[in-house]
Amino acid sequence: MKLQSPYLLFLGDARDPFAIKLARGVVDWRPELAIGEYSLPECQITTGLKQLSISQAKAQGAKSLVLGLANSGGTIQENWITTIRAAIAAGFDIISGMHQALNAMPELVALAKEHGVTLNDIRHPKQHFTTGTGEPRSGKRLLAVGTDCSAGKMYTTLAIQRELAKLRPCTFRATGQTGILIAGEGVAIDCVVADFISGAVESLSPDNADDHWDIIEGQGSLFHPAFAGVSLGLLHGAQADALVLCHVEGRASMRGLANQPLPDIATTMAVNLQAARLTNPNAKFVGISVNTSSLDDTAAQAICDKYAAEHNLPAVDPLRHSVAPIIENICAI
């Protein structure tokens, strides 16, 4: 799935920061892709970019309007339609990460055809995948796994790719809608039919030069009852040489499941290694990424030092600390 940038980020009527996670991901990691934001009068959140109208953004070279929001159920709201229609009429492609597909809305499909633009439902893969084979592939691969979902796997892999690129040829491989928006391509693994998840990851990260690293965005957790299937398919398809464990410090239970406790780091690593070694017997952990957003700087450093000592691996918060120790372990493989 190829996306046309620069983007105009549509924030709709968002009222809390989490609601604009797609837009925020672009601004945090690929700010050069976005030239501004557009929001409805009710919106209470901003990415910090300049507010532009549809016509102003078009004049400045924007090619796509991005629905930079996430909401419960992933639905396209009725009060967004006027903006979407105006953007189509102005010649913008539309990019959406919602579960509700733009291409399932006949009015928008007809309007897009009339104006020669594309409706991109990045959460709905158009590719036809085969089942996984587990056949060895050339090149090297890293996959982020977690004690839980929403544990920082995308931010961790983006931070690693950015620093590793200074030393080795490498590519970020997106597996979720926000990652796809940042990378401009990828596969939303959570919308692939279960039998084809590992095959989809194999196609996302094909044969490459021996010194090339694919940095594969992880999803879910083997310990989360809702998302473990996606996580297992990713592990098998990634055929990872290197794994990074992502953990949210201070989280008491699995996200969305108050009665499901988080596994400890050692158990999480052991179970992920067992699964990863089905397709790569040499898989190993190269580091631990700790989301320390609930801690102050001193406590954050202390908990990372504690995990590093306990597991004999570098442990860092990639938004607070350098990922250089993890990069050193990757380059040693």
C-alpha atoms as a PDB file:
ATOM      1  CA  MET A   1       0.000   0.000   0.000  1.00  0.00           C
ATOM      2  CA  LYS A   2       1.687   3.213  -1.216  1.00  0.00           C
ATOM      3  CA  LEU A   3       0.615   6.562   0.210  1.00  0.00           C
ATOM      4  CA  GLN A   4       1.038  10.016  -1.297  1.00  0.00           C
ATOM      5  CA  SER A   5       2.602  12.721   0.843  1.00  0.00           C
ATOM      6  CA  PRO A   6       2.760  15.522   1.970  1.00  0.00           C
ATOM      7  CA  TYR A   7      -0.210  15.059   4.289  1.00  0.00           C
ATOM      8  CA  LEU A   8      -2.802  17.411   5.726  1.00  0.00           C
ATOM      9  CA  LEU A   9      -3.699  15.882   9.101  1.00  0.00           C
ATOM     10  CA  PHE A  10      -7.417  15.977   9.910  1.00  0.00           C
ATOM     11  CA  LEU A  11      -8.104  16.059  13.664  1.00  0.00           C
ATOM     12  CA  GLY A  12     -11.890  16.231  13.429  1.00  0.00           C
ATOM     13  CA  ASP A  13     -13.513  17.065  16.758  1.00  0.00           C
ATOM     14  CA  ALA A  14     -10.925  15.289  18.935  1.00  0.00           C
ATOM     15  CA  ARG A  15     -11.040  16.084  22.648  1.00  0.00           C
ATOM     16  CA  ASP A  16      -8.204  14.004  24.133  1.00  0.00           C
ATOM     17  CA  PRO A  17      -4.610  13.321  23.035  1.00  0.00           C
ATOM     18  CA  PHE A  18      -5.104   9.582  22.464  1.00  0.00           C
ATOM     19  CA  ALA A  19      -7.814  10.358  19.914  1.00  0.00           C
ATOM     20  CA  ILE A  20      -5.227  11.712  17.457  1.00  0.00           C
ATOM     21  CA  LYS A  21      -2.655   8.924  17.774  1.00  0.00           C
ATOM     22  CA  LEU A  22      -2.247   8.513  14.000  1.00  0.00           C
ATOM     23  CA  ALA A  23      -1.570  12.201  13.509  1.00  0.00           C
ATOM     24  CA  ARG A  24       0.721  12.286  16.551  1.00  0.00           C
ATOM     25  CA  GLY A  25       2.740   9.350  15.243  1.00  0.00           C
ATOM     26  CA  VAL A  26       3.450  11.199  11.993  1.00  0.00           C
ATOM     27  CA  VAL A  27       4.427  14.416  13.790  1.00  0.00           C
ATOM     28  CA  ASP A  28       6.700  12.557  16.217  1.00  0.00           C
ATOM     29  CA  TRP A  29       8.506  10.393  13.653  1.00  0.00           C
ATOM     30  CA  ARG A  30       8.070  11.791  10.139  1.00  0.00           C
ATOM     31  CA  PRO A  31       7.245  15.488  10.550  1.00  0.00           C
ATOM     32  CA  GLU A  32       8.505  16.183   7.043  1.00  0.00           C
ATOM     33  CA  LEU A  33       5.499  14.260   5.687  1.00  0.00           C
ATOM     34  CA  ALA A  34       2.912  16.680   7.122  1.00  0.00           C
ATOM     35  CA  ILE A  35       2.482  20.328   6.171  1.00  0.00           C
ATOM     36  CA  GLY A  36      -0.327  21.200   8.564  1.00  0.00           C
ATOM     37  CA  GLU A  37      -3.455  20.188  10.402  1.00  0.00           C
ATOM     38  CA  TYR A  38      -7.145  20.860   9.907  1.00  0.00           C
ATOM     39  CA  SER A  39      -9.722  20.501  12.649  1.00  0.00           C
ATOM     40  CA  LEU A  40     -13.384  21.182  13.300  1.00  0.00           C
ATOM     41  CA  PRO A  41     -14.402  24.028  15.657  1.00  0.00           C
ATOM     42  CA  GLU A  42     -15.154  21.555  18.466  1.00  0.00           C
ATOM     43  CA  CYS A  43     -11.604  20.126  18.454  1.00  0.00           C
ATOM     44  CA  GLN A  44      -9.663  20.659  21.691  1.00  0.00           C
ATOM     45  CA  ILE A  45      -6.360  19.004  20.677  1.00  0.00           C
ATOM     46  CA  THR A  46      -3.513  20.016  18.384  1.00  0.00           C
ATOM     47  CA  THR A  47      -0.351  18.401  17.059  1.00  0.00           C
ATOM     48  CA  GLY A  48       1.312  21.800  17.090  1.00  0.00           C
ATOM     49  CA  LEU A  49       1.320  22.097  13.312  1.00  0.00           C
ATOM     50  CA  LYS A  50      -0.060  25.117  11.486  1.00  0.00           C
ATOM     51  CA  GLN A  51      -3.813  25.175  10.939  1.00  0.00           C
ATOM     52  CA  LEU A  52      -4.528  25.148   7.183  1.00  0.00           C
ATOM     53  CA  SER A  53      -7.723  25.086   5.206  1.00  0.00           C
ATOM     54  CA  ILE A  54      -8.209  22.540   2.427  1.00  0.00           C
ATOM     55  CA  SER A  55      -7.431  25.175  -0.215  1.00  0.00           C
ATOM     56  CA  GLN A  56      -4.365  26.486   1.641  1.00  0.00           C
ATOM     57  CA  ALA A  57      -2.967  22.962   2.043  1.00  0.00           C
ATOM     58  CA  LYS A  58      -3.559  22.226  -1.637  1.00  0.00           C
ATOM     59  CA  ALA A  59      -1.741  25.402  -2.638  1.00  0.00           C
ATOM     60  CA  GLN A  60       1.207  24.345  -0.471  1.00  0.00           C
ATOM     61  CA  GLY A  61       1.456  20.943  -2.163  1.00  0.00           C
ATOM     62  CA  ALA A  62      -0.461  18.557   0.096  1.00  0.00           C
ATOM     63  CA  LYS A  63      -1.515  15.387  -1.720  1.00  0.00           C
ATOM     64  CA  SER A  64      -3.484  13.452   0.919  1.00  0.00           C
ATOM     65  CA  LEU A  65      -5.919  14.221   3.708  1.00  0.00           C
ATOM     66  CA  VAL A  66      -5.196  11.883   6.617  1.00  0.00           C
ATOM     67  CA  LEU A  67      -7.928  11.013   9.071  1.00  0.00           C
ATOM     68  CA  GLY A  68      -5.482  11.247  11.946  1.00  0.00           C
ATOM     69  CA  LEU A  69      -7.884   9.926  14.551  1.00  0.00           C
ATOM     70  CA  ALA A  70      -8.802   6.786  16.418  1.00  0.00           C
ATOM     71  CA  ASN A  71     -12.149   6.252  18.093  1.00  0.00           C
ATOM     72  CA  SER A  72     -14.086   3.463  19.738  1.00  0.00           C
ATOM     73  CA  GLY A  73     -15.228   1.089  17.020  1.00  0.00           C
ATOM     74  CA  GLY A  74     -13.124   2.743  14.342  1.00  0.00           C
ATOM     75  CA  THR A  75     -16.059   4.530  12.708  1.00  0.00           C
ATOM     76  CA  ILE A  76     -16.066   7.471  10.313  1.00  0.00           C
ATOM     77  CA  GLN A  77     -18.224  10.128  11.940  1.00  0.00           C
ATOM     78  CA  GLU A  78     -21.031  11.880  10.064  1.00  0.00           C
ATOM     79  CA  ASN A  79     -19.640  15.335  10.894  1.00  0.00           C
ATOM     80  CA  TRP A  80     -16.356  14.450   9.149  1.00  0.00           C
ATOM     81  CA  ILE A  81     -18.001  13.760   5.794  1.00  0.00           C
ATOM     82  CA  THR A  82     -18.226  17.390   4.665  1.00  0.00           C
ATOM     83  CA  THR A  83     -14.456  17.780   5.127  1.00  0.00           C
ATOM     84  CA  ILE A  84     -13.731  14.493   3.351  1.00  0.00           C
ATOM     85  CA  ARG A  85     -15.936  15.491   0.423  1.00  0.00           C
ATOM     86  CA  ALA A  86     -14.254  18.894   0.163  1.00  0.00           C
ATOM     87  CA  ALA A  87     -10.802  17.296   0.175  1.00  0.00           C
ATOM     88  CA  ILE A  88     -11.781  14.837  -2.569  1.00  0.00           C
ATOM     89  CA  ALA A  89     -13.196  17.669  -4.668  1.00  0.00           C
ATOM     90  CA  ALA A  90      -9.899  19.537  -4.215  1.00  0.00           C
ATOM     91  CA  GLY A  91      -7.956  16.552  -5.577  1.00  0.00           C
ATOM     92  CA  PHE A  92      -6.707  14.988  -2.337  1.00  0.00           C
ATOM     93  CA  ASP A  93      -6.289  11.280  -1.813  1.00  0.00           C
ATOM     94  CA  ILE A  94      -7.901  10.256   1.493  1.00  0.00           C
ATOM     95  CA  ILE A  95      -6.070   8.052   4.011  1.00  0.00           C
ATOM     96  CA  SER A  96      -7.941   6.328   6.825  1.00  0.00           C
ATOM     97  CA  GLY A  97      -6.927   3.858   9.519  1.00  0.00           C
ATOM     98  CA  MET A  98     -10.505   3.251  10.623  1.00  0.00           C
ATOM     99  CA  HIS A  99     -12.171  -0.147  10.716  1.00  0.00           C
ATOM    100  CA  GLN A 100     -15.069   1.349   8.734  1.00  0.00           C
ATOM    101  CA  ALA A 101     -13.800   1.464   5.170  1.00  0.00           C
ATOM    102  CA  LEU A 102     -13.986   4.536   2.968  1.00  0.00           C
ATOM    103  CA  ASN A 103     -14.354   2.202   0.009  1.00  0.00           C
ATOM    104  CA  ALA A 104     -17.545   0.776   1.534  1.00  0.00           C
ATOM    105  CA  MET A 105     -19.226   4.198   1.325  1.00  0.00           C
ATOM    106  CA  PRO A 106     -20.753   4.495  -2.194  1.00  0.00           C
ATOM    107  CA  GLU A 107     -21.081   8.287  -2.057  1.00  0.00           C
ATOM    108  CA  LEU A 108     -17.341   8.730  -1.399  1.00  0.00           C
ATOM    109  CA  VAL A 109     -16.349   6.045  -3.907  1.00  0.00           C
ATOM    110  CA  ALA A 110     -18.325   7.798  -6.650  1.00  0.00           C
ATOM    111  CA  LEU A 111     -16.895  11.212  -5.739  1.00  0.00           C
ATOM    112  CA  ALA A 112     -13.333   9.855  -5.679  1.00  0.00           C
ATOM    113  CA  LYS A 113     -13.813   8.309  -9.114  1.00  0.00           C
ATOM    114  CA  GLU A 114     -15.193  11.595 -10.457  1.00  0.00           C
ATOM    115  CA  HIS A 115     -12.116  13.512  -9.257  1.00  0.00           C
ATOM    116  CA  GLY A 116      -9.516  10.822  -9.988  1.00  0.00           C
ATOM    117  CA  VAL A 117      -8.297  10.354  -6.429  1.00  0.00           C
ATOM    118  CA  THR A 118      -7.697   7.297  -4.251  1.00  0.00           C
ATOM    119  CA  LEU A 119      -9.407   6.233  -1.051  1.00  0.00           C
ATOM    120  CA  ASN A 120      -6.759   4.459   1.040  1.00  0.00           C
ATOM    121  CA  ASP A 121      -8.094   2.204   3.801  1.00  0.00           C
ATOM    122  CA  ILE A 122      -4.736   1.377   5.349  1.00  0.00           C
ATOM    123  CA  ARG A 123      -6.248  -1.027   7.857  1.00  0.00           C
ATOM    124  CA  HIS A 124      -7.691  -3.172   5.048  1.00  0.00           C
ATOM    125  CA  PRO A 125      -4.922  -4.943   3.080  1.00  0.00           C
ATOM    126  CA  LYS A 126      -5.589  -5.350  -0.637  1.00  0.00           C
ATOM    127  CA  GLN A 127      -2.850  -7.909  -1.190  1.00  0.00           C
ATOM    128  CA  HIS A 128      -3.522 -11.620  -1.576  1.00  0.00           C
ATOM    129  CA  PHE A 129      -1.241 -13.503   0.803  1.00  0.00           C
ATOM    130  CA  THR A 130      -0.157 -17.123   0.880  1.00  0.00           C
ATOM    131  CA  THR A 131       0.352 -19.189   4.001  1.00  0.00           C
ATOM    132  CA  GLY A 132       3.758 -19.032   5.652  1.00  0.00           C
ATOM    133  CA  THR A 133       6.469 -21.525   4.785  1.00  0.00           C
ATOM    134  CA  GLY A 134       9.161 -20.911   7.389  1.00  0.00           C
ATOM    135  CA  GLU A 135      11.776 -21.179   4.625  1.00  0.00           C
ATOM    136  CA  PRO A 136      15.005 -19.342   5.573  1.00  0.00           C
ATOM    137  CA  ARG A 137      15.340 -15.880   4.009  1.00  0.00           C
ATOM    138  CA  SER A 138      18.488 -13.853   3.413  1.00  0.00           C
ATOM    139  CA  GLY A 139      19.053 -10.626   5.324  1.00  0.00           C
ATOM    140  CA  LYS A 140      18.552  -9.963   9.030  1.00  0.00           C
ATOM    141  CA  ARG A 141      15.433  -9.114  11.005  1.00  0.00           C
ATOM    142  CA  LEU A 142      14.457  -7.624  14.350  1.00  0.00           C
ATOM    143  CA  LEU A 143      10.977  -7.877  15.876  1.00  0.00           C
ATOM    144  CA  ALA A 144       9.560  -6.085  18.921  1.00  0.00           C
ATOM    145  CA  VAL A 145       7.449  -8.192  21.295  1.00  0.00           C
ATOM    146  CA  GLY A 146       5.739  -7.219  24.545  1.00  0.00           C
ATOM    147  CA  THR A 147       4.475  -8.131  27.961  1.00  0.00           C
ATOM    148  CA  ASP A 148       1.253  -6.444  26.789  1.00  0.00           C
ATOM    149  CA  CYS A 149      -0.283  -4.669  23.813  1.00  0.00           C
ATOM    150  CA  SER A 150       0.170  -0.868  23.541  1.00  0.00           C
ATOM    151  CA  ALA A 151       3.585  -1.220  25.167  1.00  0.00           C
ATOM    152  CA  GLY A 152       5.648   0.952  22.817  1.00  0.00           C
ATOM    153  CA  LYS A 153       6.605  -1.548  20.100  1.00  0.00           C
ATOM    154  CA  MET A 154       6.149   0.949  17.254  1.00  0.00           C
ATOM    155  CA  TYR A 155       8.076   3.757  18.970  1.00  0.00           C
ATOM    156  CA  THR A 156      10.808   1.290  19.963  1.00  0.00           C
ATOM    157  CA  THR A 157      11.320  -0.079  16.450  1.00  0.00           C
ATOM    158  CA  LEU A 158      11.247   3.402  14.926  1.00  0.00           C
ATOM    159  CA  ALA A 159      13.894   4.575  17.397  1.00  0.00           C
ATOM    160  CA  ILE A 160      16.060   1.537  16.660  1.00  0.00           C
ATOM    161  CA  GLN A 161      15.697   1.926  12.876  1.00  0.00           C
ATOM    162  CA  ARG A 162      16.628   5.604  13.038  1.00  0.00           C
ATOM    163  CA  GLU A 163      19.856   4.920  14.939  1.00  0.00           C
ATOM    164  CA  LEU A 164      20.784   1.665  13.201  1.00  0.00           C
ATOM    165  CA  ALA A 165      20.491   3.399   9.813  1.00  0.00           C
ATOM    166  CA  LYS A 166      23.598   5.381  10.724  1.00  0.00           C
ATOM    167  CA  LEU A 167      25.583   2.123  10.791  1.00  0.00           C
ATOM    168  CA  ARG A 168      23.791  -0.475   8.664  1.00  0.00           C
ATOM    169  CA  PRO A 169      21.304  -0.553   5.776  1.00  0.00           C
ATOM    170  CA  CYS A 170      17.903  -1.072   7.383  1.00  0.00           C
ATOM    171  CA  THR A 171      14.172  -0.625   6.768  1.00  0.00           C
ATOM    172  CA  PHE A 172      11.255  -0.095   9.131  1.00  0.00           C
ATOM    173  CA  ARG A 173       8.491  -2.597   8.287  1.00  0.00           C
ATOM    174  CA  ALA A 174       5.087  -1.360   9.436  1.00  0.00           C
ATOM    175  CA  THR A 175       2.453  -3.796  10.691  1.00  0.00           C
ATOM    176  CA  GLY A 176      -0.174  -1.375  12.055  1.00  0.00           C
ATOM    177  CA  GLN A 177      -2.092   1.573  10.677  1.00  0.00           C
ATOM    178  CA  THR A 178      -0.038   4.283  12.382  1.00  0.00           C
ATOM    179  CA  GLY A 179       3.218   2.630  11.344  1.00  0.00           C
ATOM    180  CA  ILE A 180       1.946   2.393   7.762  1.00  0.00           C
ATOM    181  CA  LEU A 181       1.123   6.084   7.801  1.00  0.00           C
ATOM    182  CA  ILE A 182       4.636   6.892   9.022  1.00  0.00           C
ATOM    183  CA  ALA A 183       6.421   4.535   6.613  1.00  0.00           C
ATOM    184  CA  GLY A 184       4.133   5.141   3.634  1.00  0.00           C
ATOM    185  CA  GLU A 185       3.654   1.400   3.146  1.00  0.00           C
ATOM    186  CA  GLY A 186       3.168  -1.829   5.086  1.00  0.00           C
ATOM    187  CA  VAL A 187       0.544  -4.395   6.089  1.00  0.00           C
ATOM    188  CA  ALA A 188      -2.001  -4.003   8.901  1.00  0.00           C
ATOM    189  CA  ILE A 189      -1.488  -7.471  10.328  1.00  0.00           C
ATOM    190  CA  ASP A 190      -4.524  -7.370  12.617  1.00  0.00           C
ATOM    191  CA  CYS A 191      -6.780  -7.318   9.543  1.00  0.00           C
ATOM    192  CA  VAL A 192      -5.147 -10.303   7.788  1.00  0.00           C
ATOM    193  CA  VAL A 193      -7.078 -13.598   7.878  1.00  0.00           C
ATOM    194  CA  ALA A 194      -5.479 -15.757  10.588  1.00  0.00           C
ATOM    195  CA  ASP A 195      -4.170 -18.511   8.288  1.00  0.00           C
ATOM    196  CA  PHE A 196      -2.181 -15.945   6.308  1.00  0.00           C
ATOM    197  CA  ILE A 197      -0.576 -13.834   9.042  1.00  0.00           C
ATOM    198  CA  SER A 198       2.839 -15.503   8.939  1.00  0.00           C
ATOM    199  CA  GLY A 199       2.792 -15.496   5.134  1.00  0.00           C
ATOM    200  CA  ALA A 200       1.930 -11.793   5.110  1.00  0.00           C
ATOM    201  CA  VAL A 201       4.926 -11.056   7.341  1.00  0.00           C
ATOM    202  CA  GLU A 202       7.159 -13.138   5.075  1.00  0.00           C
ATOM    203  CA  SER A 203       6.049 -11.017   2.104  1.00  0.00           C
ATOM    204  CA  LEU A 204       6.492  -7.802   4.103  1.00  0.00           C
ATOM    205  CA  SER A 205      10.089  -8.758   4.941  1.00  0.00           C
ATOM    206  CA  PRO A 206      11.400 -10.725   1.937  1.00  0.00           C
ATOM    207  CA  ASP A 207      14.928 -11.837   1.006  1.00  0.00           C
ATOM    208  CA  ASN A 208      17.463  -9.036   1.221  1.00  0.00           C
ATOM    209  CA  ALA A 209      21.206  -8.379   1.255  1.00  0.00           C
ATOM    210  CA  ASP A 210      23.040 -10.271   3.971  1.00  0.00           C
ATOM    211  CA  ASP A 211      23.923  -7.078   5.882  1.00  0.00           C
ATOM    212  CA  HIS A 212      20.457  -5.517   5.612  1.00  0.00           C
ATOM    213  CA  TRP A 213      18.192  -5.330   8.669  1.00  0.00           C
ATOM    214  CA  ASP A 214      14.413  -5.244   8.534  1.00  0.00           C
ATOM    215  CA  ILE A 215      13.098  -3.652  11.737  1.00  0.00           C
ATOM    216  CA  ILE A 216       9.613  -5.142  12.089  1.00  0.00           C
ATOM    217  CA  GLU A 217       6.972  -3.367  14.145  1.00  0.00           C
ATOM    218  CA  GLY A 218       5.386  -5.738  16.647  1.00  0.00           C
ATOM    219  CA  GLN A 219       1.728  -6.121  17.630  1.00  0.00           C
ATOM    220  CA  GLY A 220      -0.109  -7.412  20.695  1.00  0.00           C
ATOM    221  CA  SER A 221       1.339  -9.893  23.167  1.00  0.00           C
ATOM    222  CA  LEU A 222       1.471 -13.667  23.446  1.00  0.00           C
ATOM    223  CA  PHE A 223      -0.079 -13.186  26.898  1.00  0.00           C
ATOM    224  CA  HIS A 224      -3.062 -11.065  25.848  1.00  0.00           C
ATOM    225  CA  PRO A 225      -6.135 -13.261  25.289  1.00  0.00           C
ATOM    226  CA  ALA A 226      -7.468 -10.942  22.580  1.00  0.00           C
ATOM    227  CA  PHE A 227      -4.317 -10.457  20.506  1.00  0.00           C
ATOM    228  CA  ALA A 228      -2.023 -13.432  21.073  1.00  0.00           C
ATOM    229  CA  GLY A 229      -2.900 -14.951  17.687  1.00  0.00           C
ATOM    230  CA  VAL A 230      -1.585 -11.933  15.791  1.00  0.00           C
ATOM    231  CA  SER A 231       1.565 -11.875  17.943  1.00  0.00           C
ATOM    232  CA  LEU A 232       2.294 -15.552  17.270  1.00  0.00           C
ATOM    233  CA  GLY A 233       1.831 -15.163  13.523  1.00  0.00           C
ATOM    234  CA  LEU A 234       4.227 -12.225  13.563  1.00  0.00           C
ATOM    235  CA  LEU A 235       6.845 -14.224  15.446  1.00  0.00           C
ATOM    236  CA  HIS A 236       6.684 -17.103  12.989  1.00  0.00           C
ATOM    237  CA  GLY A 237       6.624 -14.936   9.874  1.00  0.00           C
ATOM    238  CA  ALA A 238       9.290 -12.491  11.004  1.00  0.00           C
ATOM    239  CA  GLN A 239      11.911 -15.212  11.379  1.00  0.00           C
ATOM    240  CA  ALA A 240      13.653 -12.750  13.656  1.00  0.00           C
ATOM    241  CA  ASP A 241      17.366 -12.876  14.388  1.00  0.00           C
ATOM    242  CA  ALA A 242      16.887 -10.310  17.153  1.00  0.00           C
ATOM    243  CA  LEU A 243      14.031  -9.616  19.556  1.00  0.00           C
ATOM    244  CA  VAL A 244      13.403  -6.583  21.763  1.00  0.00           C
ATOM    245  CA  LEU A 245      11.088  -6.947  24.752  1.00  0.00           C
ATOM    246  CA  CYS A 246       8.744  -3.960  25.331  1.00  0.00           C
ATOM    247  CA  HIS A 247       7.228  -3.375  28.758  1.00  0.00           C
ATOM    248  CA  VAL A 248       5.133  -0.637  30.394  1.00  0.00           C
ATOM    249  CA  GLU A 249       6.387   0.019  33.903  1.00  0.00           C
ATOM    250  CA  GLY A 250       3.608   0.405  36.456  1.00  0.00           C
ATOM    251  CA  ARG A 251       0.829  -1.212  34.454  1.00  0.00           C
ATOM    252  CA  ALA A 252      -1.029  -3.573  36.772  1.00  0.00           C
ATOM    253  CA  SER A 253      -2.974  -5.681  34.281  1.00  0.00           C
ATOM    254  CA  MET A 254      -3.306  -6.402  30.580  1.00  0.00           C
ATOM    255  CA  ARG A 255      -4.717  -3.435  28.652  1.00  0.00           C
ATOM    256  CA  GLY A 256      -8.510  -3.612  28.715  1.00  0.00           C
ATOM    257  CA  LEU A 257      -8.563  -6.717  30.932  1.00  0.00           C
ATOM    258  CA  ALA A 258      -8.489  -5.750  34.599  1.00  0.00           C
ATOM    259  CA  ASN A 259      -8.570  -9.378  35.785  1.00  0.00           C
ATOM    260  CA  GLN A 260      -5.646 -10.505  33.612  1.00  0.00           C
ATOM    261  CA  PRO A 261      -2.294  -9.789  35.328  1.00  0.00           C
ATOM    262  CA  LEU A 262       0.822  -8.885  33.355  1.00  0.00           C
ATOM    263  CA  PRO A 263       3.420 -11.634  32.952  1.00  0.00           C
ATOM    264  CA  ASP A 264       6.882 -10.991  34.299  1.00  0.00           C
ATOM    265  CA  ILE A 265       9.677 -10.117  31.896  1.00  0.00           C
ATOM    266  CA  ALA A 266      11.585 -13.392  32.261  1.00  0.00           C
ATOM    267  CA  THR A 267       8.512 -15.486  31.454  1.00  0.00           C
ATOM    268  CA  THR A 268       7.625 -13.256  28.516  1.00  0.00           C
ATOM    269  CA  MET A 269      11.108 -13.619  27.074  1.00  0.00           C
ATOM    270  CA  ALA A 270      11.162 -17.392  27.476  1.00  0.00           C
ATOM    271  CA  VAL A 271       7.798 -17.939  25.783  1.00  0.00           C
ATOM    272  CA  ASN A 272       8.597 -15.569  22.910  1.00  0.00           C
ATOM    273  CA  LEU A 273      11.966 -17.220  22.336  1.00  0.00           C
ATOM    274  CA  GLN A 274      10.355 -20.639  22.173  1.00  0.00           C
ATOM    275  CA  ALA A 275       7.879 -19.434  19.540  1.00  0.00           C
ATOM    276  CA  ALA A 276      10.454 -17.458  17.532  1.00  0.00           C
ATOM    277  CA  ARG A 277      12.827 -20.413  17.311  1.00  0.00           C
ATOM    278  CA  LEU A 278      10.304 -22.420  15.305  1.00  0.00           C
ATOM    279  CA  THR A 279      11.395 -20.446  12.226  1.00  0.00           C
ATOM    280  CA  ASN A 280      14.770 -19.137  13.411  1.00  0.00           C
ATOM    281  CA  PRO A 281      16.598 -21.416  15.858  1.00  0.00           C
ATOM    282  CA  ASN A 282      19.163 -18.657  16.465  1.00  0.00           C
ATOM    283  CA  ALA A 283      16.696 -15.993  17.630  1.00  0.00           C
ATOM    284  CA  LYS A 284      17.902 -14.068  20.679  1.00  0.00           C
ATOM    285  CA  PHE A 285      16.965 -11.019  22.730  1.00  0.00           C
ATOM    286  CA  VAL A 286      19.145  -7.934  22.250  1.00  0.00           C
ATOM    287  CA  GLY A 287      17.472  -5.557  24.679  1.00  0.00           C
ATOM    288  CA  ILE A 288      14.533  -4.421  26.790  1.00  0.00           C
ATOM    289  CA  SER A 289      12.502  -1.291  26.029  1.00  0.00           C
ATOM    290  CA  VAL A 290      10.751   0.162  29.073  1.00  0.00           C
ATOM    291  CA  ASN A 291       7.939   2.690  28.825  1.00  0.00           C
ATOM    292  CA  THR A 292       8.686   4.798  31.908  1.00  0.00           C
ATOM    293  CA  SER A 293       6.148   7.557  31.243  1.00  0.00           C
ATOM    294  CA  SER A 294       4.655   7.105  34.742  1.00  0.00           C
ATOM    295  CA  LEU A 295       8.028   7.771  36.437  1.00  0.00           C
ATOM    296  CA  ASP A 296      10.310  10.736  36.938  1.00  0.00           C
ATOM    297  CA  ASP A 297      13.792  10.696  35.403  1.00  0.00           C
ATOM    298  CA  THR A 298      15.529   9.268  38.462  1.00  0.00           C
ATOM    299  CA  ALA A 299      13.027   6.443  38.928  1.00  0.00           C
ATOM    300  CA  ALA A 300      13.060   5.720  35.206  1.00  0.00           C
ATOM    301  CA  GLN A 301      16.821   5.256  35.180  1.00  0.00           C
ATOM    302  CA  ALA A 302      16.671   3.118  38.317  1.00  0.00           C
ATOM    303  CA  ILE A 303      14.108   0.688  36.908  1.00  0.00           C
ATOM    304  CA  CYS A 304      16.017   0.367  33.642  1.00  0.00           C
ATOM    305  CA  ASP A 305      19.221  -0.348  35.583  1.00  0.00           C
ATOM    306  CA  LYS A 306      17.343  -2.962  37.616  1.00  0.00           C
ATOM    307  CA  TYR A 307      16.036  -4.795  34.544  1.00  0.00           C
ATOM    308  CA  ALA A 308      19.437  -4.607  32.847  1.00  0.00           C
ATOM    309  CA  ALA A 309      21.100  -6.264  35.825  1.00  0.00           C
ATOM    310  CA  GLU A 310      18.398  -8.916  36.219  1.00  0.00           C
ATOM    311  CA  HIS A 311      18.367  -9.992  32.560  1.00  0.00           C
ATOM    312  CA  ASN A 312      21.921  -9.174  31.460  1.00  0.00           C
ATOM    313  CA  LEU A 313      20.593  -7.043  28.612  1.00  0.00           C
ATOM    314  CA  PRO A 314      20.547  -3.303  27.940  1.00  0.00           C
ATOM    315  CA  ALA A 315      17.295  -1.794  29.220  1.00  0.00           C
ATOM    316  CA  VAL A 316      16.295   1.719  28.112  1.00  0.00           C
ATOM    317  CA  ASP A 317      13.321   3.959  27.556  1.00  0.00           C
ATOM    318  CA  PRO A 318      13.795   4.905  23.877  1.00  0.00           C
ATOM    319  CA  LEU A 319      12.101   8.288  24.408  1.00  0.00           C
ATOM    320  CA  ARG A 320      14.306   9.170  27.389  1.00  0.00           C
ATOM    321  CA  HIS A 321      17.547   7.308  26.780  1.00  0.00           C
ATOM    322  CA  SER A 322      19.809   6.361  23.918  1.00  0.00           C
ATOM    323  CA  VAL A 323      19.139   3.032  22.210  1.00  0.00           C
ATOM    324  CA  ALA A 324      22.887   2.741  21.471  1.00  0.00           C
ATOM    325  CA  PRO A 325      23.405  -0.257  23.810  1.00  0.00           C
ATOM    326  CA  ILE A 326      20.713  -2.194  21.936  1.00  0.00           C
ATOM    327  CA  ILE A 327      22.223  -1.135  18.599  1.00  0.00           C
ATOM    328  CA  GLU A 328      25.585  -2.508  19.769  1.00  0.00           C
ATOM    329  CA  ASN A 329      24.024  -5.924  20.401  1.00  0.00           C
ATOM    330  CA  ILE A 330      22.259  -5.871  17.010  1.00  0.00           C
ATOM    331  CA  CYS A 331      25.496  -5.105  15.190  1.00  0.00           C
ATOM    332  CA  ALA A 332      27.195  -8.012  16.951  1.00  0.00           C
ATOM    333  CA  ILE A 333      24.837 -10.535  15.286  1.00  0.00           C
END
